[in-house]
Amino acid sequence: MKPQTVEKLVWVLLYGGIVLAALGYFVARGDENMGLVMQLGGGVAVAAGVLLIWLRSRMERR
């Protein structure tokens, strides 16, 4: 995978995960289970973004 592609994916995962987790917080007031699923999904996306940041730091520069 190209470093530029990884960088784009990092931003999508980080910001998308944060937005999803925040939406899950508000949805949980009406539907607790759906809110929890959204929060966990957002957390997983943020964790994947952080993992890709680490992976990108280990890639060779071209």
C-alpha atoms as a PDB file:
ATOM      1  CA  MET A   1       0.000   0.000   0.000  1.00  0.00           C
ATOM      2  CA  LYS A   2       1.286   3.449  -0.847  1.00  0.00           C
ATOM      3  CA  PRO A   3       2.111   5.807   2.039  1.00  0.00           C
ATOM      4  CA  GLN A   4      -0.286   8.428   0.633  1.00  0.00           C
ATOM      5  CA  THR A   5      -3.137   5.917   0.705  1.00  0.00           C
ATOM      6  CA  VAL A   6      -2.367   4.993   4.303  1.00  0.00           C
ATOM      7  CA  GLU A   7      -2.352   8.670   5.297  1.00  0.00           C
ATOM      8  CA  LYS A   8      -5.768   9.249   3.737  1.00  0.00           C
ATOM      9  CA  LEU A   9      -7.165   6.147   5.408  1.00  0.00           C
ATOM     10  CA  VAL A  10      -5.808   7.289   8.777  1.00  0.00           C
ATOM     11  CA  TRP A  11      -7.735  10.561   8.607  1.00  0.00           C
ATOM     12  CA  VAL A  12     -10.937   8.875   7.485  1.00  0.00           C
ATOM     13  CA  LEU A  13     -10.753   6.323  10.293  1.00  0.00           C
ATOM     14  CA  LEU A  14      -9.851   8.827  12.997  1.00  0.00           C
ATOM     15  CA  TYR A  15     -12.424  11.477  12.197  1.00  0.00           C
ATOM     16  CA  GLY A  16     -15.109   8.998  11.146  1.00  0.00           C
ATOM     17  CA  GLY A  17     -14.608   7.021  14.349  1.00  0.00           C
ATOM     18  CA  ILE A  18     -14.799  10.126  16.518  1.00  0.00           C
ATOM     19  CA  VAL A  19     -17.998  11.280  14.806  1.00  0.00           C
ATOM     20  CA  LEU A  20     -19.563   7.817  15.081  1.00  0.00           C
ATOM     21  CA  ALA A  21     -18.700   7.541  18.775  1.00  0.00           C
ATOM     22  CA  ALA A  22     -20.140  10.991  19.466  1.00  0.00           C
ATOM     23  CA  LEU A  23     -23.335  10.158  17.588  1.00  0.00           C
ATOM     24  CA  GLY A  24     -23.550   6.905  19.529  1.00  0.00           C
ATOM     25  CA  TYR A  25     -23.419   8.862  22.764  1.00  0.00           C
ATOM     26  CA  PHE A  26     -26.492  10.872  21.774  1.00  0.00           C
ATOM     27  CA  VAL A  27     -28.334   7.909  20.265  1.00  0.00           C
ATOM     28  CA  ALA A  28     -27.825   5.968  23.508  1.00  0.00           C
ATOM     29  CA  ARG A  29     -30.289   8.290  25.230  1.00  0.00           C
ATOM     30  CA  GLY A  30     -33.084   6.901  23.046  1.00  0.00           C
ATOM     31  CA  ASP A  31     -31.829   3.397  22.226  1.00  0.00           C
ATOM     32  CA  GLU A  32     -29.155   2.155  24.589  1.00  0.00           C
ATOM     33  CA  ASN A  33     -28.111  -0.893  22.547  1.00  0.00           C
ATOM     34  CA  MET A  34     -27.780   0.981  19.256  1.00  0.00           C
ATOM     35  CA  GLY A  35     -25.820   3.743  20.957  1.00  0.00           C
ATOM     36  CA  LEU A  36     -23.433   1.230  22.481  1.00  0.00           C
ATOM     37  CA  VAL A  37     -22.862  -0.456  19.120  1.00  0.00           C
ATOM     38  CA  MET A  38     -22.146   2.910  17.504  1.00  0.00           C
ATOM     39  CA  GLN A  39     -19.748   3.908  20.279  1.00  0.00           C
ATOM     40  CA  LEU A  40     -17.879   0.617  20.070  1.00  0.00           C
ATOM     41  CA  GLY A  41     -17.693   0.829  16.276  1.00  0.00           C
ATOM     42  CA  GLY A  42     -16.323   4.352  16.526  1.00  0.00           C
ATOM     43  CA  GLY A  43     -13.773   3.234  19.095  1.00  0.00           C
ATOM     44  CA  VAL A  44     -12.621   0.398  16.865  1.00  0.00           C
ATOM     45  CA  ALA A  45     -12.265   2.796  13.920  1.00  0.00           C
ATOM     46  CA  VAL A  46     -10.183   5.214  16.022  1.00  0.00           C
ATOM     47  CA  ALA A  47      -8.007   2.344  17.247  1.00  0.00           C
ATOM     48  CA  ALA A  48      -7.476   1.194  13.647  1.00  0.00           C
ATOM     49  CA  GLY A  49      -6.492   4.753  12.703  1.00  0.00           C
ATOM     50  CA  VAL A  50      -3.950   4.884  15.515  1.00  0.00           C
ATOM     51  CA  LEU A  51      -2.567   1.520  14.427  1.00  0.00           C
ATOM     52  CA  LEU A  52      -2.186   2.825  10.878  1.00  0.00           C
ATOM     53  CA  ILE A  53      -0.316   5.878  12.186  1.00  0.00           C
ATOM     54  CA  TRP A  54       2.180   3.505  13.772  1.00  0.00           C
ATOM     55  CA  LEU A  55       2.339   1.442  10.579  1.00  0.00           C
ATOM     56  CA  ARG A  56       2.942   4.576   8.487  1.00  0.00           C
ATOM     57  CA  SER A  57       5.803   5.614  10.769  1.00  0.00           C
ATOM     58  CA  ARG A  58       7.510   2.296   9.999  1.00  0.00           C
ATOM     59  CA  MET A  59       7.109   2.512   6.216  1.00  0.00           C
ATOM     60  CA  GLU A  60      10.016   3.500   3.996  1.00  0.00           C
ATOM     61  CA  ARG A  61       9.890   6.964   2.491  1.00  0.00           C
ATOM     62  CA  ARG A  62       9.746   7.099  -1.281  1.00  0.00           C
END
